[in-house]
Amino acid sequence: MDERTSHATHERSFVPGLGRGLLTPFYDLVHRISGIGHLHDEMIRLADVGAGQRALDVGCGTGNLLLALGRREPGVDLTGLDPDSRALGRATRKAHRAGVTVAWQRGFAQELPYPDGAFDRVFSSLMLHHLDAPGKDALLAEVRRVLRTDGLLVLADIAGHGALDGHGALHRRMARSAMIRDNADMAGRVAAAGFDLDPAVDLRLRVGRITILRAHP
């Protein structure tokens, strides 16, 4: 099978949004407390999505970014992908209550189940640090494949341990993460995957400094 065509998703292990599946019911509470909604608003602004375009959120969790986008731009075709069926269940219920249409799909970032050039915009919000180094590279290669030639990736994450702030159990667990350490050269990794980058945007959230990258295939 050609490497530039879509392919079936194989079962993989994954890290839930808050690190453990038992914490998924608290995902939206953490979202509100940490100020991630502000991050999503900035990502949507930078993406400059218009009616009739197709947008994918890789690692969509319970769907907060896509629901915010859908309320702001109701003419956008929305797709959310996540490996966590419990998070997708919550996303589905929230979208129904909000009256926002989203195509939710269970799958993995390293094997996006979509054809080449399927999307105008791809989002990735605080998900890259959940992947090991080969997984990060696989995600970026797949995003480049499914983006149209004039498309745009908007990716936000913690750029290494030096960007972390705060205390508590969640912070200590993040501070020990080799996957977050591997994010230290996040921009370099994106560029090495064949993207052209705009200047990075940094936001300060309660967990630490978040870097947003706009990248063109």
N, C-alpha and C. Protein backbone atom coordinates (compact mmCIF):
# COMPACT_ATOMS: atom_id res chain seq x y z
N MET A 1 0.85 -1.20 0.00
CA MET A 1 0.00 0.00 0.00
C MET A 1 0.88 1.24 0.00
N ASP A 2 0.55 2.22 -0.84
CA ASP A 2 1.34 3.44 -0.93
C ASP A 2 1.34 4.17 0.40
N GLU A 3 2.50 4.71 0.80
CA GLU A 3 2.63 5.35 2.09
C GLU A 3 1.84 6.66 2.18
N ARG A 4 1.39 7.19 1.05
CA ARG A 4 0.65 8.44 1.04
C ARG A 4 -0.86 8.22 0.94
N THR A 5 -1.31 7.02 1.15
CA THR A 5 -2.74 6.77 1.17
C THR A 5 -3.17 6.43 2.58
N SER A 6 -4.47 6.57 2.83
CA SER A 6 -4.98 6.25 4.16
C SER A 6 -4.88 4.76 4.41
N HIS A 7 -4.91 4.37 5.68
CA HIS A 7 -4.75 2.97 6.01
C HIS A 7 -5.55 2.66 7.26
N ALA A 8 -5.77 1.38 7.48
CA ALA A 8 -6.55 0.95 8.65
C ALA A 8 -5.78 1.25 9.93
N THR A 9 -6.51 1.60 10.98
CA THR A 9 -5.90 1.88 12.27
C THR A 9 -5.73 0.59 13.06
N HIS A 10 -4.54 0.36 13.58
CA HIS A 10 -4.25 -0.80 14.41
C HIS A 10 -4.39 -0.41 15.88
N GLU A 11 -4.76 -1.35 16.71
CA GLU A 11 -4.92 -1.07 18.13
C GLU A 11 -3.56 -0.75 18.76
N ARG A 12 -3.52 0.29 19.56
CA ARG A 12 -2.30 0.73 20.23
C ARG A 12 -2.63 1.06 21.67
N SER A 13 -1.60 1.09 22.52
CA SER A 13 -1.78 1.65 23.85
C SER A 13 -1.78 3.17 23.72
N PHE A 14 -2.39 3.85 24.69
CA PHE A 14 -2.42 5.30 24.64
C PHE A 14 -2.52 5.85 26.05
N VAL A 15 -2.16 7.12 26.19
CA VAL A 15 -2.25 7.81 27.47
C VAL A 15 -3.50 8.68 27.46
N PRO A 16 -4.47 8.46 28.36
CA PRO A 16 -5.66 9.31 28.39
C PRO A 16 -5.29 10.77 28.67
N GLY A 17 -6.24 11.66 28.41
CA GLY A 17 -5.99 13.08 28.48
C GLY A 17 -5.39 13.54 29.79
N LEU A 18 -5.85 12.99 30.92
CA LEU A 18 -5.33 13.37 32.24
C LEU A 18 -4.36 12.35 32.80
N GLY A 19 -3.88 11.46 31.94
CA GLY A 19 -2.87 10.50 32.35
C GLY A 19 -3.43 9.15 32.77
N ARG A 20 -4.66 9.14 33.31
CA ARG A 20 -5.30 7.89 33.74
C ARG A 20 -6.77 7.91 33.33
N GLY A 21 -7.26 6.75 32.88
CA GLY A 21 -8.64 6.67 32.44
C GLY A 21 -9.65 7.01 33.51
N LEU A 22 -9.34 6.70 34.78
CA LEU A 22 -10.27 6.98 35.86
C LEU A 22 -10.50 8.48 36.05
N LEU A 23 -9.58 9.31 35.52
CA LEU A 23 -9.70 10.76 35.68
C LEU A 23 -10.49 11.42 34.55
N THR A 24 -10.87 10.65 33.53
CA THR A 24 -11.58 11.24 32.39
C THR A 24 -12.83 12.02 32.79
N PRO A 25 -13.63 11.57 33.78
CA PRO A 25 -14.81 12.38 34.17
C PRO A 25 -14.46 13.78 34.66
N PHE A 26 -13.19 14.01 35.05
CA PHE A 26 -12.79 15.32 35.54
C PHE A 26 -12.13 16.18 34.45
N TYR A 27 -12.12 15.66 33.22
CA TYR A 27 -11.41 16.33 32.12
C TYR A 27 -11.93 17.75 31.91
N ASP A 28 -13.24 17.92 31.87
CA ASP A 28 -13.80 19.23 31.59
C ASP A 28 -13.63 20.19 32.77
N LEU A 29 -13.61 19.66 33.98
CA LEU A 29 -13.33 20.50 35.14
C LEU A 29 -11.91 21.05 35.06
N VAL A 30 -10.95 20.19 34.75
CA VAL A 30 -9.56 20.63 34.60
C VAL A 30 -9.44 21.64 33.46
N HIS A 31 -10.20 21.40 32.40
CA HIS A 31 -10.20 22.32 31.26
C HIS A 31 -10.60 23.73 31.71
N ARG A 32 -11.64 23.82 32.54
CA ARG A 32 -12.10 25.13 32.99
C ARG A 32 -11.11 25.77 33.96
N ILE A 33 -10.61 24.99 34.90
CA ILE A 33 -9.73 25.54 35.93
C ILE A 33 -8.40 26.01 35.34
N SER A 34 -7.88 25.28 34.38
CA SER A 34 -6.54 25.56 33.85
C SER A 34 -6.53 26.67 32.81
N GLY A 35 -7.68 27.08 32.32
CA GLY A 35 -7.72 28.13 31.33
C GLY A 35 -7.46 27.67 29.91
N ILE A 36 -7.65 26.38 29.65
CA ILE A 36 -7.39 25.85 28.31
C ILE A 36 -8.35 26.43 27.29
N GLY A 37 -9.53 26.87 27.74
CA GLY A 37 -10.45 27.50 26.81
C GLY A 37 -9.83 28.71 26.12
N HIS A 38 -9.04 29.48 26.86
CA HIS A 38 -8.34 30.63 26.27
C HIS A 38 -7.34 30.16 25.22
N LEU A 39 -6.65 29.06 25.50
CA LEU A 39 -5.72 28.49 24.53
C LEU A 39 -6.47 28.10 23.25
N HIS A 40 -7.61 27.44 23.39
CA HIS A 40 -8.38 27.03 22.22
C HIS A 40 -8.85 28.23 21.41
N ASP A 41 -9.28 29.28 22.10
CA ASP A 41 -9.70 30.49 21.39
C ASP A 41 -8.56 31.06 20.55
N GLU A 42 -7.36 31.06 21.10
CA GLU A 42 -6.21 31.59 20.37
C GLU A 42 -5.85 30.69 19.19
N MET A 43 -5.94 29.37 19.38
CA MET A 43 -5.67 28.44 18.28
C MET A 43 -6.67 28.63 17.14
N ILE A 44 -7.93 28.81 17.49
CA ILE A 44 -8.96 29.03 16.47
C ILE A 44 -8.71 30.33 15.73
N ARG A 45 -8.33 31.36 16.46
CA ARG A 45 -8.02 32.64 15.82
C ARG A 45 -6.87 32.48 14.83
N LEU A 46 -5.81 31.79 15.24
CA LEU A 46 -4.65 31.61 14.38
C LEU A 46 -4.96 30.73 13.17
N ALA A 47 -5.92 29.82 13.32
CA ALA A 47 -6.26 28.91 12.22
C ALA A 47 -7.02 29.61 11.10
N ASP A 48 -7.75 30.68 11.44
CA ASP A 48 -8.49 31.45 10.43
C ASP A 48 -9.33 30.52 9.54
N VAL A 49 -10.19 29.72 10.18
CA VAL A 49 -11.01 28.74 9.47
C VAL A 49 -12.24 29.43 8.91
N GLY A 50 -12.62 29.07 7.68
CA GLY A 50 -13.78 29.66 7.05
C GLY A 50 -14.84 28.63 6.72
N ALA A 51 -16.05 29.11 6.47
CA ALA A 51 -17.17 28.24 6.11
C ALA A 51 -16.82 27.42 4.88
N GLY A 52 -17.21 26.15 4.91
CA GLY A 52 -16.95 25.24 3.82
C GLY A 52 -15.63 24.50 3.93
N GLN A 53 -14.79 24.89 4.88
CA GLN A 53 -13.53 24.18 5.06
C GLN A 53 -13.70 22.99 6.00
N ARG A 54 -12.75 22.07 5.93
CA ARG A 54 -12.77 20.88 6.77
C ARG A 54 -11.67 20.97 7.81
N ALA A 55 -12.03 20.73 9.08
CA ALA A 55 -11.08 20.85 10.19
C ALA A 55 -11.06 19.55 10.98
N LEU A 56 -9.86 19.10 11.33
CA LEU A 56 -9.65 17.89 12.13
C LEU A 56 -8.95 18.26 13.42
N ASP A 57 -9.43 17.74 14.54
CA ASP A 57 -8.72 17.86 15.82
C ASP A 57 -8.20 16.49 16.20
N VAL A 58 -6.87 16.33 16.20
CA VAL A 58 -6.23 15.06 16.53
C VAL A 58 -6.01 15.02 18.04
N GLY A 59 -6.56 14.01 18.69
CA GLY A 59 -6.53 13.95 20.14
C GLY A 59 -7.55 14.92 20.72
N CYS A 60 -8.77 14.83 20.24
CA CYS A 60 -9.79 15.83 20.55
C CYS A 60 -10.34 15.75 21.97
N GLY A 61 -10.06 14.66 22.70
CA GLY A 61 -10.58 14.54 24.06
C GLY A 61 -12.09 14.60 24.09
N THR A 62 -12.63 15.44 24.95
CA THR A 62 -14.09 15.56 25.06
C THR A 62 -14.64 16.64 24.14
N GLY A 63 -13.83 17.10 23.19
CA GLY A 63 -14.35 17.92 22.10
C GLY A 63 -14.41 19.41 22.31
N ASN A 64 -13.73 19.93 23.32
CA ASN A 64 -13.90 21.35 23.65
C ASN A 64 -13.47 22.30 22.54
N LEU A 65 -12.34 22.02 21.90
CA LEU A 65 -11.88 22.91 20.83
C LEU A 65 -12.87 22.91 19.66
N LEU A 66 -13.30 21.74 19.24
CA LEU A 66 -14.21 21.66 18.10
C LEU A 66 -15.57 22.28 18.40
N LEU A 67 -16.04 22.12 19.62
CA LEU A 67 -17.32 22.73 19.98
C LEU A 67 -17.21 24.25 19.97
N ALA A 68 -16.08 24.78 20.46
CA ALA A 68 -15.87 26.23 20.40
C ALA A 68 -15.80 26.70 18.96
N LEU A 69 -15.12 25.95 18.10
CA LEU A 69 -15.03 26.31 16.69
C LEU A 69 -16.39 26.23 16.02
N GLY A 70 -17.15 25.18 16.32
CA GLY A 70 -18.46 25.01 15.71
C GLY A 70 -19.43 26.11 16.08
N ARG A 71 -19.36 26.59 17.32
CA ARG A 71 -20.23 27.70 17.72
C ARG A 71 -19.83 28.99 17.00
N ARG A 72 -18.53 29.17 16.78
CA ARG A 72 -18.05 30.41 16.16
C ARG A 72 -18.22 30.39 14.66
N GLU A 73 -17.97 29.24 14.03
CA GLU A 73 -18.04 29.11 12.57
C GLU A 73 -18.91 27.90 12.22
N PRO A 74 -20.24 28.06 12.22
CA PRO A 74 -21.12 26.91 12.02
C PRO A 74 -21.01 26.26 10.64
N GLY A 75 -20.37 26.92 9.68
CA GLY A 75 -20.25 26.35 8.35
C GLY A 75 -19.05 25.47 8.13
N VAL A 76 -18.25 25.23 9.18
CA VAL A 76 -17.05 24.40 9.06
C VAL A 76 -17.41 22.93 9.26
N ASP A 77 -16.84 22.06 8.44
CA ASP A 77 -17.02 20.61 8.54
C ASP A 77 -16.03 20.09 9.58
N LEU A 78 -16.53 19.59 10.72
CA LEU A 78 -15.70 19.26 11.88
C LEU A 78 -15.53 17.75 12.04
N THR A 79 -14.28 17.34 12.33
CA THR A 79 -13.96 15.94 12.61
C THR A 79 -13.07 15.89 13.85
N GLY A 80 -13.40 14.98 14.78
CA GLY A 80 -12.59 14.79 15.97
C GLY A 80 -12.13 13.36 16.09
N LEU A 81 -10.84 13.17 16.35
CA LEU A 81 -10.25 11.83 16.48
C LEU A 81 -9.61 11.69 17.85
N ASP A 82 -9.87 10.57 18.51
CA ASP A 82 -9.24 10.30 19.80
C ASP A 82 -9.26 8.79 20.04
N PRO A 83 -8.24 8.25 20.73
CA PRO A 83 -8.25 6.81 21.03
C PRO A 83 -9.12 6.43 22.21
N ASP A 84 -9.58 7.41 23.00
CA ASP A 84 -10.29 7.15 24.25
C ASP A 84 -11.80 7.16 24.01
N SER A 85 -12.40 5.98 24.01
CA SER A 85 -13.84 5.89 23.72
C SER A 85 -14.68 6.59 24.78
N ARG A 86 -14.20 6.63 26.03
CA ARG A 86 -14.96 7.33 27.08
C ARG A 86 -14.97 8.83 26.83
N ALA A 87 -13.83 9.38 26.43
CA ALA A 87 -13.79 10.80 26.10
C ALA A 87 -14.68 11.11 24.91
N LEU A 88 -14.67 10.24 23.90
CA LEU A 88 -15.52 10.46 22.73
C LEU A 88 -17.00 10.38 23.09
N GLY A 89 -17.35 9.51 24.02
CA GLY A 89 -18.73 9.44 24.47
C GLY A 89 -19.19 10.75 25.08
N ARG A 90 -18.33 11.35 25.91
CA ARG A 90 -18.66 12.64 26.50
C ARG A 90 -18.73 13.72 25.42
N ALA A 91 -17.81 13.67 24.46
CA ALA A 91 -17.82 14.65 23.37
C ALA A 91 -19.12 14.56 22.57
N THR A 92 -19.57 13.36 22.31
CA THR A 92 -20.80 13.17 21.54
C THR A 92 -22.00 13.76 22.26
N ARG A 93 -22.09 13.52 23.56
CA ARG A 93 -23.22 14.05 24.33
C ARG A 93 -23.16 15.58 24.39
N LYS A 94 -21.98 16.14 24.56
CA LYS A 94 -21.84 17.60 24.63
C LYS A 94 -22.21 18.24 23.29
N ALA A 95 -21.76 17.63 22.19
CA ALA A 95 -22.08 18.19 20.87
C ALA A 95 -23.58 18.16 20.61
N HIS A 96 -24.24 17.08 21.03
CA HIS A 96 -25.70 16.98 20.86
C HIS A 96 -26.41 18.09 21.63
N ARG A 97 -25.98 18.31 22.88
CA ARG A 97 -26.61 19.37 23.68
C ARG A 97 -26.35 20.75 23.08
N ALA A 98 -25.17 20.93 22.48
CA ALA A 98 -24.81 22.24 21.93
C ALA A 98 -25.36 22.47 20.53
N GLY A 99 -25.88 21.42 19.91
CA GLY A 99 -26.38 21.54 18.55
C GLY A 99 -25.28 21.71 17.52
N VAL A 100 -24.09 21.16 17.80
CA VAL A 100 -22.95 21.25 16.89
C VAL A 100 -22.70 19.87 16.28
N THR A 101 -22.60 19.81 14.96
CA THR A 101 -22.39 18.55 14.27
C THR A 101 -20.89 18.28 14.11
N VAL A 102 -20.45 17.14 14.64
CA VAL A 102 -19.05 16.74 14.56
C VAL A 102 -19.01 15.26 14.20
N ALA A 103 -18.11 14.88 13.31
CA ALA A 103 -17.86 13.47 13.01
C ALA A 103 -16.80 12.96 13.98
N TRP A 104 -17.22 12.29 15.04
CA TRP A 104 -16.29 11.75 16.03
C TRP A 104 -15.82 10.38 15.58
N GLN A 105 -14.54 10.10 15.74
CA GLN A 105 -14.01 8.80 15.34
C GLN A 105 -12.92 8.36 16.30
N ARG A 106 -12.96 7.09 16.67
CA ARG A 106 -11.90 6.54 17.50
C ARG A 106 -10.74 6.13 16.61
N GLY A 107 -9.55 6.56 16.96
CA GLY A 107 -8.38 6.23 16.17
C GLY A 107 -7.13 6.82 16.80
N PHE A 108 -6.01 6.63 16.15
CA PHE A 108 -4.71 6.97 16.71
C PHE A 108 -3.99 7.97 15.82
N ALA A 109 -3.28 8.89 16.47
CA ALA A 109 -2.61 9.97 15.76
C ALA A 109 -1.56 9.45 14.78
N GLN A 110 -0.95 8.31 15.10
CA GLN A 110 0.12 7.78 14.26
C GLN A 110 -0.39 7.15 12.97
N GLU A 111 -1.71 6.91 12.88
CA GLU A 111 -2.31 6.25 11.71
C GLU A 111 -3.65 6.93 11.43
N LEU A 112 -3.64 8.13 10.94
CA LEU A 112 -4.88 8.85 10.73
C LEU A 112 -5.72 8.16 9.65
N PRO A 113 -6.96 7.81 9.95
CA PRO A 113 -7.79 7.02 9.02
C PRO A 113 -8.51 7.89 8.00
N TYR A 114 -7.75 8.76 7.32
CA TYR A 114 -8.32 9.68 6.36
C TYR A 114 -7.45 9.71 5.10
N PRO A 115 -8.06 10.03 3.95
CA PRO A 115 -7.27 10.07 2.71
C PRO A 115 -6.35 11.27 2.64
N ASP A 116 -5.44 11.23 1.71
CA ASP A 116 -4.51 12.33 1.49
C ASP A 116 -5.27 13.62 1.19
N GLY A 117 -4.78 14.73 1.72
CA GLY A 117 -5.35 16.03 1.40
C GLY A 117 -6.80 16.21 1.80
N ALA A 118 -7.22 15.57 2.88
CA ALA A 118 -8.63 15.59 3.25
C ALA A 118 -9.04 16.85 4.02
N PHE A 119 -8.09 17.58 4.62
CA PHE A 119 -8.44 18.65 5.53
C PHE A 119 -7.74 19.96 5.18
N ASP A 120 -8.46 21.05 5.45
CA ASP A 120 -7.88 22.39 5.31
C ASP A 120 -7.11 22.81 6.56
N ARG A 121 -7.57 22.36 7.72
CA ARG A 121 -6.94 22.71 8.99
C ARG A 121 -6.87 21.45 9.86
N VAL A 122 -5.73 21.30 10.54
CA VAL A 122 -5.58 20.25 11.55
C VAL A 122 -5.12 20.91 12.84
N PHE A 123 -5.81 20.57 13.93
CA PHE A 123 -5.46 21.05 15.26
C PHE A 123 -4.86 19.90 16.07
N SER A 124 -3.94 20.26 16.96
CA SER A 124 -3.43 19.32 17.96
C SER A 124 -3.19 20.13 19.23
N SER A 125 -3.96 19.86 20.26
CA SER A 125 -3.93 20.67 21.48
C SER A 125 -3.51 19.83 22.68
N LEU A 126 -2.31 20.09 23.19
CA LEU A 126 -1.81 19.42 24.40
C LEU A 126 -1.86 17.90 24.27
N MET A 127 -1.53 17.41 23.10
CA MET A 127 -1.53 15.98 22.85
C MET A 127 -0.16 15.44 22.50
N LEU A 128 0.70 16.28 21.88
CA LEU A 128 1.99 15.80 21.40
C LEU A 128 2.82 15.20 22.53
N HIS A 129 2.73 15.76 23.73
CA HIS A 129 3.57 15.26 24.83
C HIS A 129 3.13 13.89 25.33
N HIS A 130 1.98 13.40 24.86
CA HIS A 130 1.55 12.05 25.22
C HIS A 130 2.24 10.97 24.37
N LEU A 131 2.97 11.38 23.33
CA LEU A 131 3.59 10.43 22.41
C LEU A 131 5.09 10.37 22.64
N ASP A 132 5.67 9.18 22.44
CA ASP A 132 7.13 9.07 22.46
C ASP A 132 7.69 9.67 21.17
N ALA A 133 9.02 9.73 21.06
CA ALA A 133 9.64 10.40 19.92
C ALA A 133 9.20 9.82 18.57
N PRO A 134 9.21 8.49 18.39
CA PRO A 134 8.73 7.95 17.10
C PRO A 134 7.25 8.28 16.86
N GLY A 135 6.45 8.29 17.94
CA GLY A 135 5.04 8.63 17.79
C GLY A 135 4.84 10.07 17.37
N LYS A 136 5.63 10.98 17.93
CA LYS A 136 5.53 12.39 17.52
C LYS A 136 5.82 12.53 16.04
N ASP A 137 6.89 11.87 15.58
CA ASP A 137 7.26 11.97 14.17
C ASP A 137 6.20 11.35 13.27
N ALA A 138 5.61 10.24 13.72
CA ALA A 138 4.56 9.60 12.93
C ALA A 138 3.34 10.50 12.83
N LEU A 139 2.95 11.14 13.94
CA LEU A 139 1.83 12.07 13.92
C LEU A 139 2.07 13.18 12.90
N LEU A 140 3.24 13.81 12.95
CA LEU A 140 3.51 14.93 12.06
C LEU A 140 3.52 14.50 10.60
N ALA A 141 4.05 13.32 10.32
CA ALA A 141 4.03 12.81 8.95
C ALA A 141 2.60 12.58 8.48
N GLU A 142 1.77 12.05 9.36
CA GLU A 142 0.38 11.80 9.00
C GLU A 142 -0.41 13.10 8.82
N VAL A 143 -0.15 14.08 9.67
CA VAL A 143 -0.82 15.37 9.52
C VAL A 143 -0.45 16.00 8.18
N ARG A 144 0.81 15.95 7.84
CA ARG A 144 1.24 16.51 6.55
C ARG A 144 0.56 15.78 5.40
N ARG A 145 0.36 14.50 5.54
CA ARG A 145 -0.30 13.72 4.48
C ARG A 145 -1.76 14.13 4.31
N VAL A 146 -2.49 14.30 5.41
CA VAL A 146 -3.94 14.55 5.30
C VAL A 146 -4.26 16.03 5.07
N LEU A 147 -3.27 16.92 5.20
CA LEU A 147 -3.51 18.33 4.92
C LEU A 147 -3.47 18.61 3.42
N ARG A 148 -4.31 19.52 2.98
CA ARG A 148 -4.23 20.01 1.61
C ARG A 148 -2.97 20.86 1.47
N THR A 149 -2.55 21.05 0.23
CA THR A 149 -1.28 21.76 0.00
C THR A 149 -1.31 23.18 0.54
N ASP A 150 -2.49 23.81 0.58
CA ASP A 150 -2.61 25.15 1.13
C ASP A 150 -3.18 25.13 2.55
N GLY A 151 -3.09 23.97 3.22
CA GLY A 151 -3.66 23.80 4.55
C GLY A 151 -2.76 24.35 5.64
N LEU A 152 -3.17 24.07 6.88
CA LEU A 152 -2.47 24.64 8.03
C LEU A 152 -2.62 23.72 9.24
N LEU A 153 -1.51 23.48 9.92
CA LEU A 153 -1.50 22.79 11.21
C LEU A 153 -1.36 23.84 12.30
N VAL A 154 -2.24 23.77 13.30
CA VAL A 154 -2.11 24.61 14.49
C VAL A 154 -1.92 23.67 15.67
N LEU A 155 -0.72 23.66 16.22
CA LEU A 155 -0.32 22.71 17.25
C LEU A 155 0.09 23.47 18.51
N ALA A 156 -0.42 23.04 19.65
CA ALA A 156 -0.07 23.68 20.93
C ALA A 156 0.34 22.62 21.93
N ASP A 157 1.44 22.89 22.65
CA ASP A 157 1.86 21.96 23.68
C ASP A 157 2.89 22.62 24.60
N ILE A 158 3.30 21.87 25.61
CA ILE A 158 4.34 22.29 26.53
C ILE A 158 5.69 22.00 25.88
N ALA A 159 6.49 23.03 25.71
CA ALA A 159 7.75 22.88 24.98
C ALA A 159 8.87 22.51 25.95
N GLY A 160 8.80 21.30 26.51
CA GLY A 160 9.85 20.81 27.39
C GLY A 160 9.64 21.15 28.85
N HIS A 161 10.44 20.53 29.72
CA HIS A 161 10.30 20.70 31.17
C HIS A 161 10.47 22.15 31.61
N GLY A 162 11.27 22.93 30.88
CA GLY A 162 11.51 24.30 31.27
C GLY A 162 10.28 25.18 31.19
N ALA A 163 9.24 24.72 30.52
CA ALA A 163 8.02 25.50 30.40
C ALA A 163 7.02 25.22 31.52
N LEU A 164 7.32 24.25 32.39
CA LEU A 164 6.38 23.86 33.44
C LEU A 164 6.45 24.79 34.64
N ASP A 165 5.30 25.06 35.23
CA ASP A 165 5.20 25.83 36.46
C ASP A 165 4.34 25.06 37.45
N GLY A 166 4.37 25.50 38.69
CA GLY A 166 3.39 25.00 39.66
C GLY A 166 3.88 23.82 40.48
N HIS A 167 2.97 23.32 41.31
CA HIS A 167 3.26 22.23 42.23
C HIS A 167 2.09 21.24 42.20
N GLY A 168 2.14 20.26 43.05
CA GLY A 168 1.06 19.29 43.13
C GLY A 168 1.39 18.02 42.37
N ALA A 169 0.51 17.01 42.54
CA ALA A 169 0.76 15.68 41.98
C ALA A 169 0.81 15.70 40.46
N LEU A 170 -0.12 16.44 39.83
CA LEU A 170 -0.15 16.48 38.37
C LEU A 170 1.13 17.10 37.83
N HIS A 171 1.58 18.19 38.44
CA HIS A 171 2.80 18.84 37.99
C HIS A 171 4.01 17.93 38.18
N ARG A 172 4.09 17.24 39.33
CA ARG A 172 5.24 16.35 39.57
C ARG A 172 5.27 15.23 38.55
N ARG A 173 4.10 14.68 38.22
CA ARG A 173 4.06 13.61 37.22
C ARG A 173 4.51 14.12 35.85
N MET A 174 4.07 15.33 35.49
CA MET A 174 4.47 15.90 34.22
C MET A 174 5.97 16.19 34.20
N ALA A 175 6.50 16.66 35.33
CA ALA A 175 7.91 17.01 35.40
C ALA A 175 8.81 15.79 35.23
N ARG A 176 8.29 14.60 35.51
CA ARG A 176 9.07 13.37 35.35
C ARG A 176 8.97 12.79 33.95
N SER A 177 8.14 13.37 33.10
CA SER A 177 7.81 12.77 31.82
C SER A 177 8.92 12.96 30.79
N ALA A 178 9.43 11.85 30.28
CA ALA A 178 10.41 11.92 29.19
C ALA A 178 9.76 12.44 27.92
N MET A 179 8.45 12.21 27.76
CA MET A 179 7.76 12.66 26.56
C MET A 179 7.68 14.18 26.52
N ILE A 180 7.50 14.81 27.70
CA ILE A 180 7.53 16.27 27.75
C ILE A 180 8.94 16.78 27.51
N ARG A 181 9.93 16.09 28.06
CA ARG A 181 11.32 16.48 27.79
C ARG A 181 11.60 16.47 26.30
N ASP A 182 11.07 15.48 25.58
CA ASP A 182 11.28 15.38 24.13
C ASP A 182 10.59 16.49 23.36
N ASN A 183 9.72 17.27 24.01
CA ASN A 183 9.07 18.40 23.36
C ASN A 183 9.94 19.65 23.37
N ALA A 184 11.12 19.60 23.95
CA ALA A 184 11.94 20.79 24.10
C ALA A 184 12.23 21.45 22.75
N ASP A 185 12.43 20.67 21.71
CA ASP A 185 12.65 21.22 20.36
C ASP A 185 11.44 20.93 19.49
N MET A 186 10.26 21.29 20.00
CA MET A 186 9.02 21.02 19.31
C MET A 186 9.02 21.66 17.92
N ALA A 187 9.44 22.93 17.84
CA ALA A 187 9.45 23.62 16.54
C ALA A 187 10.40 22.94 15.56
N GLY A 188 11.57 22.52 16.05
CA GLY A 188 12.53 21.83 15.19
C GLY A 188 11.98 20.52 14.67
N ARG A 189 11.24 19.81 15.52
CA ARG A 189 10.65 18.54 15.09
C ARG A 189 9.61 18.77 14.00
N VAL A 190 8.79 19.82 14.17
CA VAL A 190 7.77 20.12 13.17
C VAL A 190 8.42 20.52 11.85
N ALA A 191 9.47 21.34 11.93
CA ALA A 191 10.18 21.74 10.71
C ALA A 191 10.82 20.54 10.02
N ALA A 192 11.38 19.61 10.80
CA ALA A 192 12.02 18.43 10.23
C ALA A 192 11.01 17.53 9.52
N ALA A 193 9.73 17.64 9.89
CA ALA A 193 8.69 16.85 9.25
C ALA A 193 8.26 17.46 7.91
N GLY A 194 8.87 18.59 7.53
CA GLY A 194 8.58 19.17 6.22
C GLY A 194 7.65 20.36 6.24
N PHE A 195 7.40 20.95 7.42
CA PHE A 195 6.52 22.10 7.53
C PHE A 195 7.32 23.39 7.54
N ASP A 196 6.71 24.45 7.03
CA ASP A 196 7.23 25.81 7.19
C ASP A 196 6.47 26.46 8.34
N LEU A 197 7.20 27.07 9.28
CA LEU A 197 6.58 27.59 10.50
C LEU A 197 6.52 29.11 10.50
N ASP A 198 5.41 29.62 11.02
CA ASP A 198 5.30 31.03 11.37
C ASP A 198 5.91 31.23 12.75
N PRO A 199 6.16 32.48 13.15
CA PRO A 199 6.69 32.70 14.51
C PRO A 199 5.78 32.10 15.57
N ALA A 200 6.37 31.47 16.56
CA ALA A 200 5.61 30.82 17.63
C ALA A 200 4.90 31.85 18.49
N VAL A 201 3.78 31.42 19.08
CA VAL A 201 3.02 32.23 20.04
C VAL A 201 3.04 31.50 21.38
N ASP A 202 3.40 32.21 22.45
CA ASP A 202 3.43 31.60 23.78
C ASP A 202 2.28 32.15 24.63
N LEU A 203 1.62 31.25 25.35
CA LEU A 203 0.57 31.60 26.30
C LEU A 203 0.94 31.04 27.66
N ARG A 204 0.63 31.76 28.71
CA ARG A 204 0.88 31.30 30.07
C ARG A 204 -0.43 30.78 30.66
N LEU A 205 -0.47 29.47 30.96
CA LEU A 205 -1.60 28.86 31.65
C LEU A 205 -1.15 28.44 33.04
N ARG A 206 -2.07 27.94 33.85
CA ARG A 206 -1.72 27.57 35.22
C ARG A 206 -0.71 26.44 35.28
N VAL A 207 -0.74 25.58 34.27
CA VAL A 207 0.21 24.46 34.26
C VAL A 207 1.60 24.90 33.80
N GLY A 208 1.68 26.03 33.10
CA GLY A 208 2.96 26.49 32.59
C GLY A 208 2.80 27.20 31.26
N ARG A 209 3.93 27.36 30.57
CA ARG A 209 3.92 28.08 29.30
C ARG A 209 3.60 27.13 28.16
N ILE A 210 2.59 27.50 27.36
CA ILE A 210 2.17 26.70 26.22
C ILE A 210 2.62 27.41 24.95
N THR A 211 3.24 26.66 24.05
CA THR A 211 3.69 27.19 22.78
C THR A 211 2.73 26.76 21.69
N ILE A 212 2.30 27.73 20.88
CA ILE A 212 1.42 27.45 19.74
C ILE A 212 2.22 27.65 18.45
N LEU A 213 2.18 26.65 17.59
CA LEU A 213 2.88 26.70 16.30
C LEU A 213 1.87 26.67 15.15
N ARG A 214 2.03 27.58 14.22
CA ARG A 214 1.31 27.54 12.93
C ARG A 214 2.28 27.01 11.90
N ALA A 215 1.89 25.91 11.23
CA ALA A 215 2.82 25.25 10.32
C ALA A 215 2.12 24.94 9.00
N HIS A 216 2.83 25.22 7.89
CA HIS A 216 2.31 25.04 6.56
C HIS A 216 3.00 23.84 5.91
N PRO A 217 2.24 22.92 5.27
CA PRO A 217 2.87 21.75 4.64
C PRO A 217 3.67 22.14 3.39
